[in-house]
C-alpha atoms as a PDB file:
ATOM      1  CA  MET A   1      30.373   1.256  -7.370  1.00  0.00           C
ATOM      2  CA  SER A   2      27.059   1.121  -5.491  1.00  0.00           C
ATOM      3  CA  GLU A   3      25.220   3.143  -8.157  1.00  0.00           C
ATOM      4  CA  ARG A   4      26.604   0.946 -10.943  1.00  0.00           C
ATOM      5  CA  THR A   5      25.438  -2.161  -9.098  1.00  0.00           C
ATOM      6  CA  LYS A   6      21.945  -0.724  -8.713  1.00  0.00           C
ATOM      7  CA  LEU A   7      21.833   0.165 -12.414  1.00  0.00           C
ATOM      8  CA  TRP A   8      23.008  -3.347 -13.310  1.00  0.00           C
ATOM      9  CA  ILE A   9      20.316  -4.954 -11.152  1.00  0.00           C
ATOM     10  CA  ALA A  10      17.683  -2.607 -12.621  1.00  0.00           C
ATOM     11  CA  ASP A  11      18.741  -3.508 -16.174  1.00  0.00           C
ATOM     12  CA  VAL A  12      18.452  -7.193 -15.341  1.00  0.00           C
ATOM     13  CA  MET A  13      14.975  -6.681 -13.900  1.00  0.00           C
ATOM     14  CA  LYS A  14      13.915  -4.824 -17.062  1.00  0.00           C
ATOM     15  CA  LYS A  15      15.124  -7.773 -19.164  1.00  0.00           C
ATOM     16  CA  LEU A  16      13.140 -10.199 -17.023  1.00  0.00           C
ATOM     17  CA  MET A  17      10.075  -7.959 -17.333  1.00  0.00           C
ATOM     18  CA  ILE A  18      10.088  -8.492 -21.100  1.00  0.00           C
ATOM     19  CA  ASP A  19       8.682 -11.976 -20.530  1.00  0.00           C
ATOM     20  CA  LYS A  20       6.692 -11.615 -17.326  1.00  0.00           C
ATOM     21  CA  PRO A  21       5.082  -9.099 -14.983  1.00  0.00           C
ATOM     22  CA  ILE A  22       6.776  -8.053 -11.759  1.00  0.00           C
ATOM     23  CA  GLU A  23       4.558 -10.272  -9.593  1.00  0.00           C
ATOM     24  CA  LYS A  24       5.887 -13.344 -11.464  1.00  0.00           C
ATOM     25  CA  ILE A  25       9.547 -12.357 -11.045  1.00  0.00           C
ATOM     26  CA  ARG A  26      11.362 -13.586  -7.958  1.00  0.00           C
ATOM     27  CA  VAL A  27      14.373 -11.948  -6.354  1.00  0.00           C
ATOM     28  CA  THR A  28      16.143 -15.268  -6.974  1.00  0.00           C
ATOM     29  CA  ASP A  29      15.522 -14.823 -10.728  1.00  0.00           C
ATOM     30  CA  ILE A  30      17.014 -11.336 -10.633  1.00  0.00           C
ATOM     31  CA  CYS A  31      20.058 -12.476  -8.641  1.00  0.00           C
ATOM     32  CA  LYS A  32      20.667 -15.478 -10.884  1.00  0.00           C
ATOM     33  CA  MET A  33      20.533 -13.447 -14.094  1.00  0.00           C
ATOM     34  CA  ALA A  34      22.602 -10.608 -12.587  1.00  0.00           C
ATOM     35  CA  LYS A  35      25.135 -13.125 -11.224  1.00  0.00           C
ATOM     36  CA  ILE A  36      24.939 -11.653  -7.740  1.00  0.00           C
ATOM     37  CA  GLU A  37      24.204 -13.118  -4.326  1.00  0.00           C
ATOM     38  CA  ARG A  38      20.916 -12.381  -2.560  1.00  0.00           C
ATOM     39  CA  PRO A  39      22.641 -10.330   0.175  1.00  0.00           C
ATOM     40  CA  THR A  40      23.956  -8.011  -2.563  1.00  0.00           C
ATOM     41  CA  PHE A  41      20.420  -7.486  -3.825  1.00  0.00           C
ATOM     42  CA  TYR A  42      19.094  -6.841  -0.311  1.00  0.00           C
ATOM     43  CA  TYR A  43      21.953  -4.481   0.452  1.00  0.00           C
ATOM     44  CA  HIS A  44      20.601  -2.194  -2.272  1.00  0.00           C
ATOM     45  CA  PHE A  45      16.833  -2.880  -2.246  1.00  0.00           C
ATOM     46  CA  ARG A  46      14.183  -4.024   0.246  1.00  0.00           C
ATOM     47  CA  ASP A  47      12.402  -6.128  -2.359  1.00  0.00           C
ATOM     48  CA  LYS A  48      11.583  -6.239  -6.080  1.00  0.00           C
ATOM     49  CA  TYR A  49       8.992  -3.471  -5.676  1.00  0.00           C
ATOM     50  CA  ASP A  50      11.607  -1.214  -4.105  1.00  0.00           C
ATOM     51  CA  LEU A  51      13.808  -1.965  -7.126  1.00  0.00           C
ATOM     52  CA  MET A  52      10.958  -1.120  -9.505  1.00  0.00           C
ATOM     53  CA  ALA A  53      10.271   2.142  -7.641  1.00  0.00           C
ATOM     54  CA  TRP A  54      13.977   3.070  -7.627  1.00  0.00           C
ATOM     55  CA  THR A  55      14.144   2.431 -11.377  1.00  0.00           C
ATOM     56  CA  PHE A  56      11.135   4.656 -12.030  1.00  0.00           C
ATOM     57  CA  PHE A  57      12.252   7.457  -9.713  1.00  0.00           C
ATOM     58  CA  SER A  58      15.801   7.430 -11.097  1.00  0.00           C
ATOM     59  CA  SER A  59      14.410   8.623 -14.401  1.00  0.00           C
ATOM     60  CA  ALA A  60      11.719  10.874 -12.890  1.00  0.00           C
ATOM     61  CA  TYR A  61      14.211  12.862 -10.790  1.00  0.00           C
ATOM     62  CA  ASN A  62      15.875  14.080 -13.983  1.00  0.00           C
ATOM     63  CA  THR A  63      12.658  15.558 -15.384  1.00  0.00           C
ATOM     64  CA  ASN A  64      11.648  19.190 -15.015  1.00  0.00           C
ATOM     65  CA  VAL A  65       7.875  18.645 -14.961  1.00  0.00           C
ATOM     66  CA  ILE A  66       7.069  22.206 -16.041  1.00  0.00           C
ATOM     67  CA  ASP A  67       9.412  22.257 -19.030  1.00  0.00           C
ATOM     68  CA  ILE A  68       8.099  20.979 -22.378  1.00  0.00           C
ATOM     69  CA  GLU A  69      11.444  19.705 -23.671  1.00  0.00           C
ATOM     70  CA  SER A  70      12.384  17.946 -20.427  1.00  0.00           C
ATOM     71  CA  SER A  71       8.938  16.363 -20.112  1.00  0.00           C
ATOM     72  CA  ALA A  72       8.986  15.301 -23.782  1.00  0.00           C
ATOM     73  CA  ARG A  73      12.369  13.616 -23.233  1.00  0.00           C
ATOM     74  CA  ALA A  74      10.824  11.750 -20.289  1.00  0.00           C
ATOM     75  CA  LEU A  75       7.987  10.505 -22.506  1.00  0.00           C
ATOM     76  CA  ASP A  76      10.483   9.488 -25.185  1.00  0.00           C
ATOM     77  CA  TYR A  77      12.364   7.522 -22.533  1.00  0.00           C
ATOM     78  CA  MET A  78       9.110   5.833 -21.530  1.00  0.00           C
ATOM     79  CA  LYS A  79       8.538   4.774 -25.165  1.00  0.00           C
ATOM     80  CA  LYS A  80      12.124   3.497 -25.340  1.00  0.00           C
ATOM     81  CA  GLU A  81      11.635   1.523 -22.115  1.00  0.00           C
ATOM     82  CA  PHE A  82       8.066   0.576 -23.071  1.00  0.00           C
ATOM     83  CA  ILE A  83       7.971  -2.867 -21.437  1.00  0.00           C
ATOM     84  CA  PHE A  84       9.175  -1.564 -18.077  1.00  0.00           C
ATOM     85  CA  PHE A  85       6.641   1.275 -17.975  1.00  0.00           C
ATOM     86  CA  LYS A  86       3.868  -0.983 -19.271  1.00  0.00           C
ATOM     87  CA  ARG A  87       4.593  -3.311 -16.337  1.00  0.00           C
ATOM     88  CA  VAL A  88       4.677  -0.337 -13.952  1.00  0.00           C
ATOM     89  CA  TYR A  89       1.220   0.753 -15.092  1.00  0.00           C
ATOM     90  CA  GLU A  90      -0.062  -2.845 -14.913  1.00  0.00           C
ATOM     91  CA  ASP A  91       1.257  -3.438 -11.384  1.00  0.00           C
ATOM     92  CA  ASN A  92      -1.550  -4.565  -9.100  1.00  0.00           C
ATOM     93  CA  SER A  93       0.448  -5.203  -5.946  1.00  0.00           C
ATOM     94  CA  GLN A  94      -0.802  -4.182  -2.505  1.00  0.00           C
ATOM     95  CA  ILE A  95       0.337  -0.608  -3.150  1.00  0.00           C
ATOM     96  CA  PRO A  96       0.477  -0.278  -6.949  1.00  0.00           C
ATOM     97  CA  MET A  97       3.328   1.583  -8.553  1.00  0.00           C
ATOM     98  CA  TRP A  98       0.963   4.162 -10.102  1.00  0.00           C
ATOM     99  CA  GLN A  99       0.126   5.300  -6.546  1.00  0.00           C
ATOM    100  CA  TYR A 100       3.801   5.949  -5.854  1.00  0.00           C
ATOM    101  CA  MET A 101       4.015   7.767  -9.182  1.00  0.00           C
ATOM    102  CA  HIS A 102       1.001   9.925  -8.326  1.00  0.00           C
ATOM    103  CA  GLU A 103       2.389  10.780  -4.875  1.00  0.00           C
ATOM    104  CA  TYR A 104       5.736  11.692  -6.423  1.00  0.00           C
ATOM    105  CA  PHE A 105       4.188  14.019  -8.998  1.00  0.00           C
ATOM    106  CA  VAL A 106       1.813  15.644  -6.492  1.00  0.00           C
ATOM    107  CA  GLU A 107       4.759  16.281  -4.139  1.00  0.00           C
ATOM    108  CA  THR A 108       6.853  17.650  -7.020  1.00  0.00           C
ATOM    109  CA  TYR A 109       4.145  20.011  -8.297  1.00  0.00           C
ATOM    110  CA  THR A 110       3.317  21.105  -4.723  1.00  0.00           C
ATOM    111  CA  ARG A 111       6.984  21.853  -3.977  1.00  0.00           C
ATOM    112  CA  LEU A 112       7.243  23.842  -7.214  1.00  0.00           C
ATOM    113  CA  ALA A 113       4.033  25.742  -6.383  1.00  0.00           C
ATOM    114  CA  LYS A 114       5.471  26.715  -2.998  1.00  0.00           C
ATOM    115  CA  GLU A 115       8.786  27.776  -4.538  1.00  0.00           C
ATOM    116  CA  MET A 116       7.263  29.710  -7.417  1.00  0.00           C
ATOM    117  CA  SER A 117       4.523  31.409  -5.389  1.00  0.00           C
ATOM    118  CA  GLY A 118       6.757  32.148  -2.412  1.00  0.00           C
ATOM    119  CA  LYS A 119       4.185  30.585  -0.079  1.00  0.00           C
ATOM    120  CA  GLU A 120       4.976  28.041   2.603  1.00  0.00           C
ATOM    121  CA  VAL A 121       1.417  26.699   2.597  1.00  0.00           C
ATOM    122  CA  ILE A 122      -0.640  25.965  -0.500  1.00  0.00           C
ATOM    123  CA  ASP A 123      -4.422  26.363  -0.278  1.00  0.00           C
ATOM    124  CA  THR A 124      -6.791  23.393  -0.461  1.00  0.00           C
ATOM    125  CA  GLN A 125      -8.133  24.269  -3.934  1.00  0.00           C
ATOM    126  CA  THR A 126      -4.634  24.422  -5.419  1.00  0.00           C
ATOM    127  CA  ILE A 127      -3.724  21.065  -3.843  1.00  0.00           C
ATOM    128  CA  TYR A 128      -6.934  19.605  -5.266  1.00  0.00           C
ATOM    129  CA  SER A 129      -6.095  21.010  -8.721  1.00  0.00           C
ATOM    130  CA  ILE A 130      -2.574  19.573  -8.527  1.00  0.00           C
ATOM    131  CA  LYS A 131      -3.911  16.117  -7.576  1.00  0.00           C
ATOM    132  CA  LEU A 132      -6.547  16.199 -10.300  1.00  0.00           C
ATOM    133  CA  TYR A 133      -4.029  17.360 -12.913  1.00  0.00           C
ATOM    134  CA  CYS A 134      -1.567  14.638 -11.902  1.00  0.00           C
ATOM    135  CA  TYR A 135      -4.232  11.918 -12.151  1.00  0.00           C
ATOM    136  CA  GLY A 136      -5.233  13.187 -15.567  1.00  0.00           C
ATOM    137  CA  ALA A 137      -1.673  13.573 -16.824  1.00  0.00           C
ATOM    138  CA  MET A 138      -0.777  10.072 -15.650  1.00  0.00           C
ATOM    139  CA  ALA A 139      -3.865   8.576 -17.316  1.00  0.00           C
ATOM    140  CA  MET A 140      -3.185  10.429 -20.570  1.00  0.00           C
ATOM    141  CA  THR A 141       0.488   9.392 -20.442  1.00  0.00           C
ATOM    142  CA  ARG A 142      -0.627   5.770 -20.077  1.00  0.00           C
ATOM    143  CA  GLU A 143      -3.039   6.136 -22.990  1.00  0.00           C
ATOM    144  CA  TRP A 144      -0.339   7.778 -25.124  1.00  0.00           C
ATOM    145  CA  LEU A 145       2.213   5.121 -24.193  1.00  0.00           C
ATOM    146  CA  PHE A 146      -0.087   2.148 -24.843  1.00  0.00           C
ATOM    147  CA  ASP A 147      -2.283   3.335 -27.707  1.00  0.00           C
ATOM    148  CA  ASP A 148      -0.887   6.361 -29.548  1.00  0.00           C
ATOM    149  CA  ASN A 149       1.790   5.752 -32.159  1.00  0.00           C
ATOM    150  CA  VAL A 150       1.086   8.996 -33.996  1.00  0.00           C
ATOM    151  CA  THR A 151       1.265  11.951 -31.587  1.00  0.00           C
ATOM    152  CA  SER A 152       4.789  13.095 -30.749  1.00  0.00           C
ATOM    153  CA  SER A 153       5.918  13.308 -27.144  1.00  0.00           C
ATOM    154  CA  ARG A 154       6.350  17.073 -27.480  1.00  0.00           C
ATOM    155  CA  THR A 155       2.785  17.524 -28.774  1.00  0.00           C
ATOM    156  CA  THR A 156       1.461  15.290 -25.996  1.00  0.00           C
ATOM    157  CA  VAL A 157       3.235  17.351 -23.335  1.00  0.00           C
ATOM    158  CA  LYS A 158       2.003  20.605 -24.905  1.00  0.00           C
ATOM    159  CA  MET A 159      -1.584  19.276 -24.802  1.00  0.00           C
ATOM    160  CA  MET A 160      -1.142  18.282 -21.144  1.00  0.00           C
ATOM    161  CA  PHE A 161       0.199  21.724 -20.255  1.00  0.00           C
ATOM    162  CA  GLU A 162      -2.625  23.366 -22.226  1.00  0.00           C
ATOM    163  CA  SER A 163      -5.158  21.272 -20.261  1.00  0.00           C
ATOM    164  CA  MET A 164      -3.719  22.335 -16.916  1.00  0.00           C
ATOM    165  CA  PRO A 165      -6.129  24.470 -14.826  1.00  0.00           C
ATOM    166  CA  GLU A 166      -5.549  28.204 -15.348  1.00  0.00           C
ATOM    167  CA  ALA A 167      -4.736  28.723 -11.665  1.00  0.00           C
ATOM    168  CA  LEU A 168      -1.866  26.223 -11.931  1.00  0.00           C
ATOM    169  CA  LYS A 169      -0.658  27.675 -15.223  1.00  0.00           C
ATOM    170  CA  SER A 170      -0.367  31.056 -13.573  1.00  0.00           C
ATOM    171  CA  ILE A 171       1.589  29.619 -10.622  1.00  0.00           C
ATOM    172  CA  TYR A 172       3.968  27.678 -12.895  1.00  0.00           C
ATOM    173  CA  LYS A 173       4.161  30.549 -15.413  1.00  0.00           C
ATOM    174  CA  LEU A 174       3.095  28.372 -18.346  1.00  0.00           C
END
């Protein structure tokens, strides 16, 4: 029941985001449209930014970031949910959502590097390469999402993987 409630609240927030950015949406607006009481909202989320983060991470957790098909499906989902992800990229709150996204992807790629290399500690250069790749991949995803109506998600992911530093490609066996 709890997961369904969270999904319901997230869907309502996405509908509200069609007309206005997250900073213009109040928790009261979400509760009113979802037909829930404020305590129900706060039982599940700290605030609207926590809700936005949960919504993003719910889809991100299902993506294998080193698999072309899985990553392409994630980009297709972003196109399908264009308004939500547009608002995520536009977020200018105290700690913008793109920072959370970057941290998530750096942690994910670092964890995979440890697992796939069998090392408990990753060297500074590899961490730097992971961070740089994640910044670049996020920026190119934003550009693709906002401006590119021609290139397929699969081709976009293949180009991202091809642009990955050779040292990372060898770790991730790409």
